[in-house]
Amino acid sequence: MGYSLTEFAQVLPSAMRDWTVSGGPDIWRVSDRAGESIAVITTLPQAARALGALRIPVLRVEIVLLCTSLALAEEFSRRFERGFHRGGG
């Protein structure tokens, strides 16, 4: 992902809205309102991408879904994608 670890840490809790996000900065756990684990997210900063003088941070993100409900997994994916979507032209 084109995020720094600091940016990721700022976006993740708001992307998950009313779900609980704990841990960080390398390992995050997402739980629903009942406290059931939904996912574990592991982050690892990588070398920045260089486009001329521009430097873009790179963060390796691995997600392991712990939930057994397809609906819950899809809701997690929807929240994650919407929360981390960056607009474009």
N, C-alpha and C. Protein backbone atom coordinates (compact mmCIF):
# COMPACT_ATOMS: atom_id res chain seq x y z
N MET A 1 0.85 -1.17 0.00
CA MET A 1 0.00 0.00 0.00
C MET A 1 0.89 1.23 0.00
N GLY A 2 0.42 2.30 -0.59
CA GLY A 2 1.15 3.56 -0.62
C GLY A 2 0.85 4.41 0.61
N TYR A 3 1.11 3.82 1.77
CA TYR A 3 0.87 4.49 3.06
C TYR A 3 2.10 4.33 3.93
N SER A 4 2.36 5.33 4.75
CA SER A 4 3.36 5.17 5.80
C SER A 4 2.68 4.46 6.96
N LEU A 5 3.46 3.95 7.88
CA LEU A 5 2.90 3.29 9.06
C LEU A 5 2.05 4.27 9.88
N THR A 6 2.49 5.51 9.96
CA THR A 6 1.74 6.54 10.69
C THR A 6 0.39 6.79 10.04
N GLU A 7 0.37 6.92 8.71
CA GLU A 7 -0.89 7.13 8.00
C GLU A 7 -1.84 5.94 8.18
N PHE A 8 -1.30 4.73 8.08
CA PHE A 8 -2.10 3.52 8.24
C PHE A 8 -2.75 3.50 9.62
N ALA A 9 -1.95 3.83 10.66
CA ALA A 9 -2.45 3.82 12.03
C ALA A 9 -3.55 4.86 12.25
N GLN A 10 -3.53 5.94 11.49
CA GLN A 10 -4.56 6.97 11.60
C GLN A 10 -5.85 6.56 10.89
N VAL A 11 -5.74 5.87 9.76
CA VAL A 11 -6.90 5.54 8.95
C VAL A 11 -7.62 4.29 9.46
N LEU A 12 -6.89 3.27 9.89
CA LEU A 12 -7.50 1.98 10.23
C LEU A 12 -8.65 2.09 11.23
N PRO A 13 -8.50 2.75 12.38
CA PRO A 13 -9.63 2.81 13.33
C PRO A 13 -10.87 3.46 12.75
N SER A 14 -10.71 4.54 11.99
CA SER A 14 -11.89 5.20 11.42
C SER A 14 -12.50 4.35 10.31
N ALA A 15 -11.69 3.59 9.59
CA ALA A 15 -12.22 2.71 8.54
C ALA A 15 -13.08 1.60 9.12
N MET A 16 -12.73 1.15 10.31
CA MET A 16 -13.47 0.05 10.94
C MET A 16 -14.69 0.56 11.71
N ARG A 17 -14.84 1.88 11.80
CA ARG A 17 -15.97 2.56 12.43
C ARG A 17 -16.25 2.05 13.84
N ASP A 18 -17.34 1.32 14.05
CA ASP A 18 -17.74 0.92 15.41
C ASP A 18 -17.10 -0.38 15.87
N TRP A 19 -16.23 -0.97 15.08
CA TRP A 19 -15.50 -2.15 15.51
C TRP A 19 -14.25 -1.72 16.27
N THR A 20 -13.74 -2.60 17.10
CA THR A 20 -12.58 -2.30 17.91
C THR A 20 -11.29 -2.65 17.17
N VAL A 21 -10.36 -1.72 17.17
CA VAL A 21 -9.03 -1.94 16.59
C VAL A 21 -8.03 -1.83 17.73
N SER A 22 -7.22 -2.86 17.90
CA SER A 22 -6.22 -2.84 18.97
C SER A 22 -4.88 -3.28 18.42
N GLY A 23 -3.85 -3.00 19.20
CA GLY A 23 -2.50 -3.40 18.80
C GLY A 23 -1.76 -2.30 18.09
N GLY A 24 -0.90 -2.71 17.17
CA GLY A 24 -0.09 -1.78 16.41
C GLY A 24 1.28 -1.61 17.05
N PRO A 25 2.24 -1.11 16.39
CA PRO A 25 2.16 -0.67 15.00
C PRO A 25 2.38 -1.79 13.98
N ASP A 26 2.86 -2.97 14.42
CA ASP A 26 3.16 -4.03 13.46
C ASP A 26 2.03 -5.05 13.31
N ILE A 27 1.30 -5.30 14.40
CA ILE A 27 0.22 -6.28 14.37
C ILE A 27 -1.03 -5.65 14.97
N TRP A 28 -2.11 -5.71 14.21
CA TRP A 28 -3.39 -5.11 14.60
C TRP A 28 -4.44 -6.20 14.68
N ARG A 29 -5.39 -6.06 15.58
CA ARG A 29 -6.51 -6.99 15.69
C ARG A 29 -7.80 -6.19 15.57
N VAL A 30 -8.72 -6.70 14.75
CA VAL A 30 -10.03 -6.06 14.57
C VAL A 30 -11.08 -7.01 15.14
N SER A 31 -11.93 -6.46 16.01
CA SER A 31 -13.00 -7.24 16.64
C SER A 31 -14.32 -6.52 16.45
N ASP A 32 -15.41 -7.30 16.42
CA ASP A 32 -16.73 -6.68 16.28
C ASP A 32 -17.20 -6.15 17.63
N ARG A 33 -18.42 -5.60 17.67
CA ARG A 33 -18.95 -5.00 18.90
C ARG A 33 -19.08 -6.02 20.03
N ALA A 34 -19.25 -7.30 19.70
CA ALA A 34 -19.38 -8.35 20.71
C ALA A 34 -18.02 -8.85 21.19
N GLY A 35 -16.94 -8.35 20.60
CA GLY A 35 -15.60 -8.76 21.00
C GLY A 35 -15.06 -9.96 20.24
N GLU A 36 -15.81 -10.42 19.23
CA GLU A 36 -15.36 -11.55 18.42
C GLU A 36 -14.29 -11.07 17.43
N SER A 37 -13.21 -11.82 17.31
CA SER A 37 -12.13 -11.45 16.39
C SER A 37 -12.57 -11.60 14.95
N ILE A 38 -12.30 -10.58 14.16
CA ILE A 38 -12.63 -10.59 12.74
C ILE A 38 -11.39 -10.80 11.90
N ALA A 39 -10.30 -10.08 12.25
CA ALA A 39 -9.10 -10.15 11.42
C ALA A 39 -7.87 -9.76 12.22
N VAL A 40 -6.73 -10.25 11.74
CA VAL A 40 -5.42 -9.81 12.23
C VAL A 40 -4.71 -9.21 11.03
N ILE A 41 -4.17 -8.01 11.21
CA ILE A 41 -3.49 -7.28 10.14
C ILE A 41 -2.04 -7.09 10.56
N THR A 42 -1.14 -7.53 9.69
CA THR A 42 0.30 -7.37 9.93
C THR A 42 0.84 -6.36 8.94
N THR A 43 1.64 -5.41 9.45
CA THR A 43 2.22 -4.38 8.59
C THR A 43 3.74 -4.45 8.66
N LEU A 44 4.36 -4.13 7.52
CA LEU A 44 5.83 -4.12 7.45
C LEU A 44 6.25 -3.03 6.47
N PRO A 45 6.88 -1.94 6.96
CA PRO A 45 7.35 -0.89 6.06
C PRO A 45 8.38 -1.44 5.07
N GLN A 46 8.29 -0.98 3.83
CA GLN A 46 9.21 -1.37 2.76
C GLN A 46 9.94 -0.12 2.27
N ALA A 47 10.87 -0.32 1.36
CA ALA A 47 11.58 0.82 0.76
C ALA A 47 10.59 1.67 -0.03
N ALA A 48 10.76 2.98 0.05
CA ALA A 48 9.87 3.90 -0.67
C ALA A 48 10.04 3.75 -2.18
N ARG A 49 8.95 4.01 -2.91
CA ARG A 49 9.01 4.05 -4.37
C ARG A 49 9.48 5.43 -4.78
N ALA A 50 10.34 5.49 -5.77
CA ALA A 50 10.85 6.77 -6.24
C ALA A 50 10.35 7.02 -7.66
N LEU A 51 9.73 8.19 -7.84
CA LEU A 51 9.31 8.66 -9.16
C LEU A 51 9.94 10.02 -9.35
N GLY A 52 11.13 10.02 -9.89
CA GLY A 52 11.88 11.26 -9.97
C GLY A 52 12.21 11.73 -8.57
N ALA A 53 11.86 12.97 -8.25
CA ALA A 53 12.11 13.51 -6.91
C ALA A 53 11.03 13.10 -5.90
N LEU A 54 9.95 12.53 -6.40
CA LEU A 54 8.84 12.13 -5.54
C LEU A 54 9.13 10.78 -4.88
N ARG A 55 8.88 10.70 -3.58
CA ARG A 55 9.04 9.45 -2.83
C ARG A 55 7.68 9.05 -2.25
N ILE A 56 7.26 7.82 -2.54
CA ILE A 56 5.97 7.31 -2.06
C ILE A 56 6.24 6.20 -1.06
N PRO A 57 5.71 6.31 0.16
CA PRO A 57 5.94 5.25 1.14
C PRO A 57 5.27 3.95 0.69
N VAL A 58 5.84 2.84 1.11
CA VAL A 58 5.29 1.52 0.79
C VAL A 58 5.15 0.74 2.09
N LEU A 59 3.97 0.21 2.30
CA LEU A 59 3.69 -0.57 3.50
C LEU A 59 3.12 -1.92 3.06
N ARG A 60 3.83 -2.98 3.41
CA ARG A 60 3.31 -4.32 3.13
C ARG A 60 2.24 -4.62 4.18
N VAL A 61 1.06 -5.01 3.73
CA VAL A 61 -0.06 -5.28 4.62
C VAL A 61 -0.58 -6.68 4.34
N GLU A 62 -0.61 -7.51 5.38
CA GLU A 62 -1.16 -8.85 5.26
C GLU A 62 -2.37 -8.96 6.18
N ILE A 63 -3.46 -9.47 5.65
CA ILE A 63 -4.71 -9.60 6.41
C ILE A 63 -5.07 -11.07 6.51
N VAL A 64 -5.29 -11.52 7.73
CA VAL A 64 -5.78 -12.88 7.97
C VAL A 64 -7.17 -12.75 8.57
N LEU A 65 -8.16 -13.24 7.85
CA LEU A 65 -9.54 -13.20 8.36
C LEU A 65 -9.75 -14.35 9.33
N LEU A 66 -10.26 -14.03 10.50
CA LEU A 66 -10.50 -15.02 11.54
C LEU A 66 -11.97 -15.41 11.64
N CYS A 67 -12.83 -14.62 11.07
CA CYS A 67 -14.27 -14.87 11.16
C CYS A 67 -14.66 -16.01 10.22
N THR A 68 -15.72 -16.71 10.57
CA THR A 68 -16.21 -17.80 9.74
C THR A 68 -17.43 -17.39 8.93
N SER A 69 -17.95 -16.22 9.20
CA SER A 69 -19.13 -15.72 8.49
C SER A 69 -18.72 -14.98 7.22
N LEU A 70 -19.27 -15.42 6.09
CA LEU A 70 -18.97 -14.76 4.82
C LEU A 70 -19.45 -13.31 4.84
N ALA A 71 -20.61 -13.06 5.43
CA ALA A 71 -21.15 -11.70 5.50
C ALA A 71 -20.21 -10.78 6.30
N LEU A 72 -19.67 -11.28 7.39
CA LEU A 72 -18.76 -10.49 8.21
C LEU A 72 -17.45 -10.24 7.47
N ALA A 73 -16.95 -11.24 6.78
CA ALA A 73 -15.73 -11.08 5.99
C ALA A 73 -15.93 -10.04 4.88
N GLU A 74 -17.08 -10.07 4.23
CA GLU A 74 -17.37 -9.10 3.19
C GLU A 74 -17.51 -7.69 3.76
N GLU A 75 -18.10 -7.58 4.94
CA GLU A 75 -18.23 -6.27 5.60
C GLU A 75 -16.86 -5.73 5.97
N PHE A 76 -15.98 -6.59 6.47
CA PHE A 76 -14.61 -6.16 6.78
C PHE A 76 -13.95 -5.63 5.50
N SER A 77 -14.03 -6.38 4.42
CA SER A 77 -13.41 -5.98 3.16
C SER A 77 -13.96 -4.65 2.66
N ARG A 78 -15.28 -4.48 2.76
CA ARG A 78 -15.91 -3.23 2.32
C ARG A 78 -15.40 -2.05 3.14
N ARG A 79 -15.35 -2.22 4.46
CA ARG A 79 -14.86 -1.13 5.33
C ARG A 79 -13.41 -0.82 5.04
N PHE A 80 -12.58 -1.85 4.88
CA PHE A 80 -11.16 -1.65 4.64
C PHE A 80 -10.95 -0.92 3.32
N GLU A 81 -11.61 -1.39 2.27
CA GLU A 81 -11.44 -0.76 0.94
C GLU A 81 -11.93 0.68 0.93
N ARG A 82 -13.08 0.93 1.53
CA ARG A 82 -13.59 2.30 1.57
C ARG A 82 -12.71 3.22 2.40
N GLY A 83 -12.25 2.72 3.53
CA GLY A 83 -11.43 3.53 4.42
C GLY A 83 -10.08 3.93 3.83
N PHE A 84 -9.51 3.01 3.05
CA PHE A 84 -8.17 3.27 2.49
C PHE A 84 -8.17 3.73 1.04
N HIS A 85 -9.36 3.91 0.47
CA HIS A 85 -9.45 4.37 -0.91
C HIS A 85 -8.97 5.81 -1.01
N ARG A 86 -8.13 6.04 -1.98
CA ARG A 86 -7.68 7.40 -2.26
C ARG A 86 -8.26 7.81 -3.59
N GLY A 87 -8.77 9.01 -3.65
CA GLY A 87 -9.40 9.48 -4.87
C GLY A 87 -8.40 9.65 -5.99
N GLY A 88 -8.88 9.65 -7.18
CA GLY A 88 -8.04 9.82 -8.36
C GLY A 88 -8.80 10.57 -9.44
N GLY A 89 -8.11 10.86 -10.50
CA GLY A 89 -8.74 11.63 -11.57
C GLY A 89 -9.13 10.79 -12.74
